[in-house]
Amino acid sequence: MLWQKSVKKVKFYGREIRGVRRHYARLRRRLQERGITQVVKRIGSKERRVVNTILHQISKRIVSLSLASNSYIVLGDLTGIRRRIRINSKGKRL
């Protein structure tokens, strides 16, 4: 997340979430190679919880910064976002 005082913009780059997803993808791959499928399901739900927690913390920070600086939160048009972005060929992950 980046906060520029002069322009008053908050940008979120998602580096932390990409790191979490990369970690769990590697872990899932190792477990699947060993054939431990029950643990793979638990790992998936833990990954989801960790990512949701990070997203919640970021959204709380954005809202508190917005309230403190008396500014608005503007979201872009996400229609067709899946068609517009490049998808990584490794497992079709974003």
PDB file of N, CA and C in Angstrom:
ATOM      1  N   MET A   1       0.850  -1.166   0.000  1.00  0.00           N
ATOM      2  CA  MET A   1       0.000   0.000   0.000  1.00  0.00           C
ATOM      3  C   MET A   1       0.893   1.226   0.000  1.00  0.00           C
ATOM      4  N   LEU A   2       0.510   2.215  -0.777  1.00  0.00           N
ATOM      5  CA  LEU A   2       1.301   3.426  -0.914  1.00  0.00           C
ATOM      6  C   LEU A   2       0.416   4.629  -0.671  1.00  0.00           C
ATOM      7  N   TRP A   3       0.885   5.554   0.141  1.00  0.00           N
ATOM      8  CA  TRP A   3       0.130   6.769   0.448  1.00  0.00           C
ATOM      9  C   TRP A   3       0.984   7.945   0.027  1.00  0.00           C
ATOM     10  N   GLN A   4       0.506   8.726  -0.951  1.00  0.00           N
ATOM     11  CA  GLN A   4       1.231   9.909  -1.403  1.00  0.00           C
ATOM     12  C   GLN A   4       0.544  11.138  -0.842  1.00  0.00           C
ATOM     13  N   LYS A   5       1.245  11.880   0.011  1.00  0.00           N
ATOM     14  CA  LYS A   5       0.625  13.035   0.654  1.00  0.00           C
ATOM     15  C   LYS A   5       0.328  14.150  -0.336  1.00  0.00           C
ATOM     16  N   SER A   6       1.235  14.377  -1.278  1.00  0.00           N
ATOM     17  CA  SER A   6       1.044  15.502  -2.189  1.00  0.00           C
ATOM     18  C   SER A   6      -0.157  15.285  -3.105  1.00  0.00           C
ATOM     19  N   VAL A   7      -0.331  14.075  -3.582  1.00  0.00           N
ATOM     20  CA  VAL A   7      -1.428  13.779  -4.503  1.00  0.00           C
ATOM     21  C   VAL A   7      -2.628  13.221  -3.758  1.00  0.00           C
ATOM     22  N   LYS A   8      -2.395  12.733  -2.540  1.00  0.00           N
ATOM     23  CA  LYS A   8      -3.430  12.128  -1.701  1.00  0.00           C
ATOM     24  C   LYS A   8      -4.078  10.917  -2.367  1.00  0.00           C
ATOM     25  N   LYS A   9      -3.242  10.003  -2.823  1.00  0.00           N
ATOM     26  CA  LYS A   9      -3.727   8.757  -3.416  1.00  0.00           C
ATOM     27  C   LYS A   9      -3.212   7.589  -2.585  1.00  0.00           C
ATOM     28  N   VAL A  10      -4.044   6.594  -2.456  1.00  0.00           N
ATOM     29  CA  VAL A  10      -3.632   5.360  -1.794  1.00  0.00           C
ATOM     30  C   VAL A  10      -3.642   4.272  -2.853  1.00  0.00           C
ATOM     31  N   LYS A  11      -2.513   3.582  -2.992  1.00  0.00           N
ATOM     32  CA  LYS A  11      -2.421   2.503  -3.978  1.00  0.00           C
ATOM     33  C   LYS A  11      -2.050   1.224  -3.247  1.00  0.00           C
ATOM     34  N   PHE A  12      -2.661   0.162  -3.646  1.00  0.00           N
ATOM     35  CA  PHE A  12      -2.390  -1.146  -3.065  1.00  0.00           C
ATOM     36  C   PHE A  12      -1.836  -2.038  -4.162  1.00  0.00           C
ATOM     37  N   TYR A  13      -0.637  -2.556  -3.957  1.00  0.00           N
ATOM     38  CA  TYR A  13       0.025  -3.348  -4.987  1.00  0.00           C
ATOM     39  C   TYR A  13      -0.150  -4.850  -4.811  1.00  0.00           C
ATOM     40  N   GLY A  14      -0.504  -5.325  -3.647  1.00  0.00           N
ATOM     41  CA  GLY A  14      -0.785  -6.742  -3.451  1.00  0.00           C
ATOM     42  C   GLY A  14       0.432  -7.629  -3.317  1.00  0.00           C
ATOM     43  N   ARG A  15       1.576  -7.066  -3.010  1.00  0.00           N
ATOM     44  CA  ARG A  15       2.803  -7.855  -2.902  1.00  0.00           C
ATOM     45  C   ARG A  15       2.694  -8.899  -1.790  1.00  0.00           C
ATOM     46  N   GLU A  16       2.115  -8.514  -0.676  1.00  0.00           N
ATOM     47  CA  GLU A  16       2.002  -9.431   0.461  1.00  0.00           C
ATOM     48  C   GLU A  16       1.080 -10.610   0.127  1.00  0.00           C
ATOM     49  N   ILE A  17      -0.015 -10.334  -0.561  1.00  0.00           N
ATOM     50  CA  ILE A  17      -0.953 -11.401  -0.932  1.00  0.00           C
ATOM     51  C   ILE A  17      -0.327 -12.337  -1.954  1.00  0.00           C
ATOM     52  N   ARG A  18       0.405 -11.782  -2.919  1.00  0.00           N
ATOM     53  CA  ARG A  18       1.084 -12.640  -3.892  1.00  0.00           C
ATOM     54  C   ARG A  18       2.082 -13.556  -3.196  1.00  0.00           C
ATOM     55  N   GLY A  19       2.774 -13.034  -2.178  1.00  0.00           N
ATOM     56  CA  GLY A  19       3.716 -13.858  -1.424  1.00  0.00           C
ATOM     57  C   GLY A  19       3.027 -14.992  -0.686  1.00  0.00           C
ATOM     58  N   VAL A  20       1.880 -14.705  -0.084  1.00  0.00           N
ATOM     59  CA  VAL A  20       1.118 -15.738   0.629  1.00  0.00           C
ATOM     60  C   VAL A  20       0.641 -16.796  -0.354  1.00  0.00           C
ATOM     61  N   ARG A  21       0.096 -16.366  -1.478  1.00  0.00           N
ATOM     62  CA  ARG A  21      -0.391 -17.325  -2.484  1.00  0.00           C
ATOM     63  C   ARG A  21       0.752 -18.175  -3.037  1.00  0.00           C
ATOM     64  N   ARG A  22       1.902 -17.555  -3.269  1.00  0.00           N
ATOM     65  CA  ARG A  22       3.061 -18.292  -3.775  1.00  0.00           C
ATOM     66  C   ARG A  22       3.515 -19.333  -2.751  1.00  0.00           C
ATOM     67  N   HIS A  23       3.548 -18.954  -1.477  1.00  0.00           N
ATOM     68  CA  HIS A  23       3.956 -19.879  -0.413  1.00  0.00           C
ATOM     69  C   HIS A  23       3.034 -21.095  -0.370  1.00  0.00           C
ATOM     70  N   TYR A  24       1.727 -20.851  -0.381  1.00  0.00           N
ATOM     71  CA  TYR A  24       0.785 -21.965  -0.282  1.00  0.00           C
ATOM     72  C   TYR A  24       0.748 -22.795  -1.566  1.00  0.00           C
ATOM     73  N   ALA A  25       1.037 -22.188  -2.711  1.00  0.00           N
ATOM     74  CA  ALA A  25       1.099 -22.964  -3.955  1.00  0.00           C
ATOM     75  C   ALA A  25       2.269 -23.942  -3.904  1.00  0.00           C
ATOM     76  N   ARG A  26       3.421 -23.466  -3.417  1.00  0.00           N
ATOM     77  CA  ARG A  26       4.581 -24.360  -3.271  1.00  0.00           C
ATOM     78  C   ARG A  26       4.289 -25.477  -2.277  1.00  0.00           C
ATOM     79  N   LEU A  27       3.677 -25.116  -1.155  1.00  0.00           N
ATOM     80  CA  LEU A  27       3.352 -26.102  -0.131  1.00  0.00           C
ATOM     81  C   LEU A  27       2.367 -27.140  -0.674  1.00  0.00           C
ATOM     82  N   ARG A  28       1.352 -26.664  -1.393  1.00  0.00           N
ATOM     83  CA  ARG A  28       0.357 -27.564  -1.981  1.00  0.00           C
ATOM     84  C   ARG A  28       1.015 -28.517  -2.982  1.00  0.00           C
ATOM     85  N   ARG A  29       1.933 -27.982  -3.797  1.00  0.00           N
ATOM     86  CA  ARG A  29       2.617 -28.814  -4.791  1.00  0.00           C
ATOM     87  C   ARG A  29       3.422 -29.917  -4.109  1.00  0.00           C
ATOM     88  N   ARG A  30       4.160 -29.567  -3.038  1.00  0.00           N
ATOM     89  CA  ARG A  30       4.948 -30.573  -2.321  1.00  0.00           C
ATOM     90  C   ARG A  30       4.067 -31.648  -1.694  1.00  0.00           C
ATOM     91  N   LEU A  31       2.937 -31.221  -1.120  1.00  0.00           N
ATOM     92  CA  LEU A  31       2.042 -32.192  -0.482  1.00  0.00           C
ATOM     93  C   LEU A  31       1.380 -33.098  -1.515  1.00  0.00           C
ATOM     94  N   GLN A  32       1.026 -32.546  -2.668  1.00  0.00           N
ATOM     95  CA  GLN A  32       0.398 -33.368  -3.700  1.00  0.00           C
ATOM     96  C   GLN A  32       1.380 -34.373  -4.274  1.00  0.00           C
ATOM     97  N   GLU A  33       2.651 -33.994  -4.374  1.00  0.00           N
ATOM     98  CA  GLU A  33       3.659 -34.946  -4.847  1.00  0.00           C
ATOM     99  C   GLU A  33       3.768 -36.139  -3.902  1.00  0.00           C
ATOM    100  N   ARG A  34       3.582 -35.886  -2.614  1.00  0.00           N
ATOM    101  CA  ARG A  34       3.639 -36.964  -1.624  1.00  0.00           C
ATOM    102  C   ARG A  34       2.316 -37.708  -1.501  1.00  0.00           C
ATOM    103  N   GLY A  35       1.247 -37.176  -2.091  1.00  0.00           N
ATOM    104  CA  GLY A  35      -0.046 -37.841  -2.063  1.00  0.00           C
ATOM    105  C   GLY A  35      -0.854 -37.592  -0.811  1.00  0.00           C
ATOM    106  N   ILE A  36      -0.625 -36.489  -0.144  1.00  0.00           N
ATOM    107  CA  ILE A  36      -1.345 -36.169   1.094  1.00  0.00           C
ATOM    108  C   ILE A  36      -2.466 -35.196   0.740  1.00  0.00           C
ATOM    109  N   THR A  37      -3.605 -35.726   0.285  1.00  0.00           N
ATOM    110  CA  THR A  37      -4.674 -34.856  -0.216  1.00  0.00           C
ATOM    111  C   THR A  37      -5.500 -34.218   0.892  1.00  0.00           C
ATOM    112  N   GLN A  38      -5.631 -34.875   2.032  1.00  0.00           N
ATOM    113  CA  GLN A  38      -6.441 -34.322   3.122  1.00  0.00           C
ATOM    114  C   GLN A  38      -5.830 -33.020   3.643  1.00  0.00           C
ATOM    115  N   VAL A  39      -4.523 -32.982   3.744  1.00  0.00           N
ATOM    116  CA  VAL A  39      -3.838 -31.781   4.226  1.00  0.00           C
ATOM    117  C   VAL A  39      -3.939 -30.668   3.187  1.00  0.00           C
ATOM    118  N   VAL A  40      -3.975 -31.030   1.912  1.00  0.00           N
ATOM    119  CA  VAL A  40      -4.079 -30.034   0.840  1.00  0.00           C
ATOM    120  C   VAL A  40      -5.372 -29.241   0.982  1.00  0.00           C
ATOM    121  N   LYS A  41      -6.467 -29.897   1.358  1.00  0.00           N
ATOM    122  CA  LYS A  41      -7.748 -29.200   1.542  1.00  0.00           C
ATOM    123  C   LYS A  41      -7.664 -28.213   2.700  1.00  0.00           C
ATOM    124  N   ARG A  42      -7.030 -28.633   3.796  1.00  0.00           N
ATOM    125  CA  ARG A  42      -6.879 -27.737   4.950  1.00  0.00           C
ATOM    126  C   ARG A  42      -6.010 -26.539   4.607  1.00  0.00           C
ATOM    127  N   ILE A  43      -4.959 -26.780   3.825  1.00  0.00           N
ATOM    128  CA  ILE A  43      -4.054 -25.703   3.419  1.00  0.00           C
ATOM    129  C   ILE A  43      -4.814 -24.671   2.594  1.00  0.00           C
ATOM    130  N   GLY A  44      -5.702 -25.138   1.706  1.00  0.00           N
ATOM    131  CA  GLY A  44      -6.490 -24.218   0.881  1.00  0.00           C
ATOM    132  C   GLY A  44      -7.376 -23.316   1.713  1.00  0.00           C
ATOM    133  N   SER A  45      -8.002 -23.877   2.744  1.00  0.00           N
ATOM    134  CA  SER A  45      -8.876 -23.048   3.574  1.00  0.00           C
ATOM    135  C   SER A  45      -8.057 -22.086   4.431  1.00  0.00           C
ATOM    136  N   LYS A  46      -6.878 -22.510   4.863  1.00  0.00           N
ATOM    137  CA  LYS A  46      -6.018 -21.606   5.642  1.00  0.00           C
ATOM    138  C   LYS A  46      -5.532 -20.458   4.764  1.00  0.00           C
ATOM    139  N   GLU A  47      -5.156 -20.759   3.523  1.00  0.00           N
ATOM    140  CA  GLU A  47      -4.723 -19.711   2.587  1.00  0.00           C
ATOM    141  C   GLU A  47      -5.833 -18.683   2.394  1.00  0.00           C
ATOM    142  N   ARG A  48      -7.044 -19.157   2.219  1.00  0.00           N
ATOM    143  CA  ARG A  48      -8.192 -18.265   2.028  1.00  0.00           C
ATOM    144  C   ARG A  48      -8.394 -17.357   3.235  1.00  0.00           C
ATOM    145  N   ARG A  49      -8.272 -17.922   4.436  1.00  0.00           N
ATOM    146  CA  ARG A  49      -8.435 -17.122   5.659  1.00  0.00           C
ATOM    147  C   ARG A  49      -7.342 -16.068   5.795  1.00  0.00           C
ATOM    148  N   VAL A  50      -6.102 -16.448   5.498  1.00  0.00           N
ATOM    149  CA  VAL A  50      -4.986 -15.499   5.608  1.00  0.00           C
ATOM    150  C   VAL A  50      -5.166 -14.351   4.624  1.00  0.00           C
ATOM    151  N   VAL A  51      -5.533 -14.671   3.378  1.00  0.00           N
ATOM    152  CA  VAL A  51      -5.726 -13.633   2.360  1.00  0.00           C
ATOM    153  C   VAL A  51      -6.887 -12.726   2.741  1.00  0.00           C
ATOM    154  N   ASN A  52      -7.981 -13.301   3.229  1.00  0.00           N
ATOM    155  CA  ASN A  52      -9.121 -12.475   3.646  1.00  0.00           C
ATOM    156  C   ASN A  52      -8.752 -11.546   4.799  1.00  0.00           C
ATOM    157  N   THR A  53      -7.931 -12.026   5.724  1.00  0.00           N
ATOM    158  CA  THR A  53      -7.482 -11.181   6.835  1.00  0.00           C
ATOM    159  C   THR A  53      -6.650 -10.013   6.324  1.00  0.00           C
ATOM    160  N   ILE A  54      -5.733 -10.290   5.408  1.00  0.00           N
ATOM    161  CA  ILE A  54      -4.893  -9.226   4.848  1.00  0.00           C
ATOM    162  C   ILE A  54      -5.749  -8.204   4.112  1.00  0.00           C
ATOM    163  N   LEU A  55      -6.698  -8.676   3.302  1.00  0.00           N
ATOM    164  CA  LEU A  55      -7.568  -7.757   2.563  1.00  0.00           C
ATOM    165  C   LEU A  55      -8.415  -6.912   3.512  1.00  0.00           C
ATOM    166  N   HIS A  56      -8.872  -7.513   4.603  1.00  0.00           N
ATOM    167  CA  HIS A  56      -9.673  -6.775   5.581  1.00  0.00           C
ATOM    168  C   HIS A  56      -8.838  -5.678   6.248  1.00  0.00           C
ATOM    169  N   GLN A  57      -7.603  -6.001   6.613  1.00  0.00           N
ATOM    170  CA  GLN A  57      -6.727  -5.012   7.233  1.00  0.00           C
ATOM    171  C   GLN A  57      -6.436  -3.853   6.285  1.00  0.00           C
ATOM    172  N   ILE A  58      -6.215  -4.169   5.015  1.00  0.00           N
ATOM    173  CA  ILE A  58      -5.935  -3.121   4.026  1.00  0.00           C
ATOM    174  C   ILE A  58      -7.149  -2.234   3.833  1.00  0.00           C
ATOM    175  N   SER A  59      -8.331  -2.838   3.728  1.00  0.00           N
ATOM    176  CA  SER A  59      -9.534  -2.025   3.520  1.00  0.00           C
ATOM    177  C   SER A  59      -9.809  -1.146   4.737  1.00  0.00           C
ATOM    178  N   LYS A  60      -9.536  -1.658   5.947  1.00  0.00           N
ATOM    179  CA  LYS A  60      -9.696  -0.833   7.148  1.00  0.00           C
ATOM    180  C   LYS A  60      -8.753   0.360   7.122  1.00  0.00           C
ATOM    181  N   ARG A  61      -7.506   0.137   6.687  1.00  0.00           N
ATOM    182  CA  ARG A  61      -6.542   1.236   6.603  1.00  0.00           C
ATOM    183  C   ARG A  61      -6.971   2.280   5.586  1.00  0.00           C
ATOM    184  N   ILE A  62      -7.464   1.816   4.443  1.00  0.00           N
ATOM    185  CA  ILE A  62      -7.904   2.745   3.399  1.00  0.00           C
ATOM    186  C   ILE A  62      -9.068   3.589   3.904  1.00  0.00           C
ATOM    187  N   VAL A  63     -10.028   2.960   4.563  1.00  0.00           N
ATOM    188  CA  VAL A  63     -11.192   3.696   5.075  1.00  0.00           C
ATOM    189  C   VAL A  63     -10.772   4.683   6.159  1.00  0.00           C
ATOM    190  N   SER A  64      -9.886   4.275   7.056  1.00  0.00           N
ATOM    191  CA  SER A  64      -9.468   5.200   8.121  1.00  0.00           C
ATOM    192  C   SER A  64      -8.685   6.379   7.558  1.00  0.00           C
ATOM    193  N   LEU A  65      -7.834   6.142   6.544  1.00  0.00           N
ATOM    194  CA  LEU A  65      -7.128   7.249   5.901  1.00  0.00           C
ATOM    195  C   LEU A  65      -8.098   8.184   5.199  1.00  0.00           C
ATOM    196  N   SER A  66      -9.115   7.606   4.598  1.00  0.00           N
ATOM    197  CA  SER A  66     -10.118   8.414   3.906  1.00  0.00           C
ATOM    198  C   SER A  66     -10.898   9.278   4.889  1.00  0.00           C
ATOM    199  N   LEU A  67     -11.280   8.702   6.012  1.00  0.00           N
ATOM    200  CA  LEU A  67     -12.008   9.475   7.024  1.00  0.00           C
ATOM    201  C   LEU A  67     -11.131  10.567   7.633  1.00  0.00           C
ATOM    202  N   ALA A  68      -9.868  10.244   7.866  1.00  0.00           N
ATOM    203  CA  ALA A  68      -8.965  11.214   8.485  1.00  0.00           C
ATOM    204  C   ALA A  68      -8.681  12.400   7.572  1.00  0.00           C
ATOM    205  N   SER A  69      -8.623  12.148   6.276  1.00  0.00           N
ATOM    206  CA  SER A  69      -8.288  13.229   5.346  1.00  0.00           C
ATOM    207  C   SER A  69      -9.518  13.814   4.665  1.00  0.00           C
ATOM    208  N   ASN A  70     -10.700  13.394   5.087  1.00  0.00           N
ATOM    209  CA  ASN A  70     -11.952  13.915   4.522  1.00  0.00           C
ATOM    210  C   ASN A  70     -12.021  13.718   3.007  1.00  0.00           C
ATOM    211  N   SER A  71     -11.646  12.540   2.536  1.00  0.00           N
ATOM    212  CA  SER A  71     -11.652  12.282   1.101  1.00  0.00           C
ATOM    213  C   SER A  71     -12.565  11.107   0.767  1.00  0.00           C
ATOM    214  N   TYR A  72     -12.749  10.881  -0.533  1.00  0.00           N
ATOM    215  CA  TYR A  72     -13.640   9.837  -1.029  1.00  0.00           C
ATOM    216  C   TYR A  72     -12.842   8.618  -1.453  1.00  0.00           C
ATOM    217  N   ILE A  73     -13.524   7.491  -1.491  1.00  0.00           N
ATOM    218  CA  ILE A  73     -12.934   6.261  -2.008  1.00  0.00           C
ATOM    219  C   ILE A  73     -13.542   6.019  -3.382  1.00  0.00           C
ATOM    220  N   VAL A  74     -12.685   5.907  -4.393  1.00  0.00           N
ATOM    221  CA  VAL A  74     -13.151   5.724  -5.765  1.00  0.00           C
ATOM    222  C   VAL A  74     -12.674   4.364  -6.252  1.00  0.00           C
ATOM    223  N   LEU A  75     -13.594   3.584  -6.796  1.00  0.00           N
ATOM    224  CA  LEU A  75     -13.263   2.275  -7.353  1.00  0.00           C
ATOM    225  C   LEU A  75     -13.418   2.326  -8.857  1.00  0.00           C
ATOM    226  N   GLY A  76     -12.560   1.613  -9.561  1.00  0.00           N
ATOM    227  CA  GLY A  76     -12.630   1.582 -11.016  1.00  0.00           C
ATOM    228  C   GLY A  76     -13.651   0.576 -11.504  1.00  0.00           C
ATOM    229  N   ASP A  77     -13.905   0.622 -12.806  1.00  0.00           N
ATOM    230  CA  ASP A  77     -14.840  -0.303 -13.439  1.00  0.00           C
ATOM    231  C   ASP A  77     -14.158  -1.650 -13.614  1.00  0.00           C
ATOM    232  N   LEU A  78     -14.677  -2.682 -12.981  1.00  0.00           N
ATOM    233  CA  LEU A  78     -14.064  -4.004 -13.033  1.00  0.00           C
ATOM    234  C   LEU A  78     -14.742  -4.933 -14.032  1.00  0.00           C
ATOM    235  N   THR A  79     -15.622  -4.389 -14.860  1.00  0.00           N
ATOM    236  CA  THR A  79     -16.308  -5.199 -15.856  1.00  0.00           C
ATOM    237  C   THR A  79     -15.295  -5.741 -16.859  1.00  0.00           C
ATOM    238  N   GLY A  80     -15.273  -7.038 -17.042  1.00  0.00           N
ATOM    239  CA  GLY A  80     -14.384  -7.667 -18.016  1.00  0.00           C
ATOM    240  C   GLY A  80     -12.932  -7.714 -17.585  1.00  0.00           C
ATOM    241  N   ILE A  81     -12.663  -7.597 -16.303  1.00  0.00           N
ATOM    242  CA  ILE A  81     -11.284  -7.559 -15.813  1.00  0.00           C
ATOM    243  C   ILE A  81     -10.544  -8.853 -16.132  1.00  0.00           C
ATOM    244  N   ARG A  82     -11.246  -9.965 -16.100  1.00  0.00           N
ATOM    245  CA  ARG A  82     -10.594 -11.252 -16.374  1.00  0.00           C
ATOM    246  C   ARG A  82     -10.112 -11.347 -17.819  1.00  0.00           C
ATOM    247  N   ARG A  83     -10.795 -10.679 -18.717  1.00  0.00           N
ATOM    248  CA  ARG A  83     -10.385 -10.712 -20.125  1.00  0.00           C
ATOM    249  C   ARG A  83      -9.248  -9.735 -20.398  1.00  0.00           C
ATOM    250  N   ARG A  84      -9.151  -8.665 -19.604  1.00  0.00           N
ATOM    251  CA  ARG A  84      -8.176  -7.613 -19.887  1.00  0.00           C
ATOM    252  C   ARG A  84      -6.798  -7.878 -19.306  1.00  0.00           C
ATOM    253  N   ILE A  85      -6.701  -8.695 -18.267  1.00  0.00           N
ATOM    254  CA  ILE A  85      -5.402  -8.873 -17.621  1.00  0.00           C
ATOM    255  C   ILE A  85      -4.675 -10.079 -18.193  1.00  0.00           C
ATOM    256  N   ARG A  86      -3.346 -10.050 -18.042  1.00  0.00           N
ATOM    257  CA  ARG A  86      -2.542 -11.196 -18.450  1.00  0.00           C
ATOM    258  C   ARG A  86      -2.510 -12.190 -17.304  1.00  0.00           C
ATOM    259  N   ILE A  87      -2.689 -13.455 -17.622  1.00  0.00           N
ATOM    260  CA  ILE A  87      -2.706 -14.498 -16.600  1.00  0.00           C
ATOM    261  C   ILE A  87      -1.417 -15.299 -16.710  1.00  0.00           C
ATOM    262  N   ASN A  88      -0.814 -15.573 -15.581  1.00  0.00           N
ATOM    263  CA  ASN A  88       0.404 -16.357 -15.526  1.00  0.00           C
ATOM    264  C   ASN A  88       0.115 -17.780 -16.006  1.00  0.00           C
ATOM    265  N   SER A  89       1.017 -18.339 -16.787  1.00  0.00           N
ATOM    266  CA  SER A  89       0.780 -19.670 -17.334  1.00  0.00           C
ATOM    267  C   SER A  89       0.953 -20.769 -16.291  1.00  0.00           C
ATOM    268  N   LYS A  90       1.637 -20.493 -15.172  1.00  0.00           N
ATOM    269  CA  LYS A  90       1.817 -21.507 -14.130  1.00  0.00           C
ATOM    270  C   LYS A  90       0.524 -21.676 -13.361  1.00  0.00           C
ATOM    271  N   GLY A  91      -0.251 -22.641 -13.703  1.00  0.00           N
ATOM    272  CA  GLY A  91      -1.467 -22.936 -12.957  1.00  0.00           C
ATOM    273  C   GLY A  91      -2.574 -21.926 -13.158  1.00  0.00           C
ATOM    274  N   LYS A  92      -2.429 -21.063 -14.140  1.00  0.00           N
ATOM    275  CA  LYS A  92      -3.454 -20.054 -14.461  1.00  0.00           C
ATOM    276  C   LYS A  92      -3.790 -19.193 -13.259  1.00  0.00           C
ATOM    277  N   ARG A  93      -2.776 -18.825 -12.500  1.00  0.00           N
ATOM    278  CA  ARG A  93      -2.979 -17.945 -11.345  1.00  0.00           C
ATOM    279  C   ARG A  93      -2.773 -16.510 -11.775  1.00  0.00           C
ATOM    280  N   LEU A  94      -3.468 -15.601 -11.107  1.00  0.00           N
ATOM    281  CA  LEU A  94      -3.333 -14.177 -11.417  1.00  0.00           C
ATOM    282  C   LEU A  94      -2.024 -13.635 -10.911  1.00  0.00           C
TER     283      LEU A  94
END
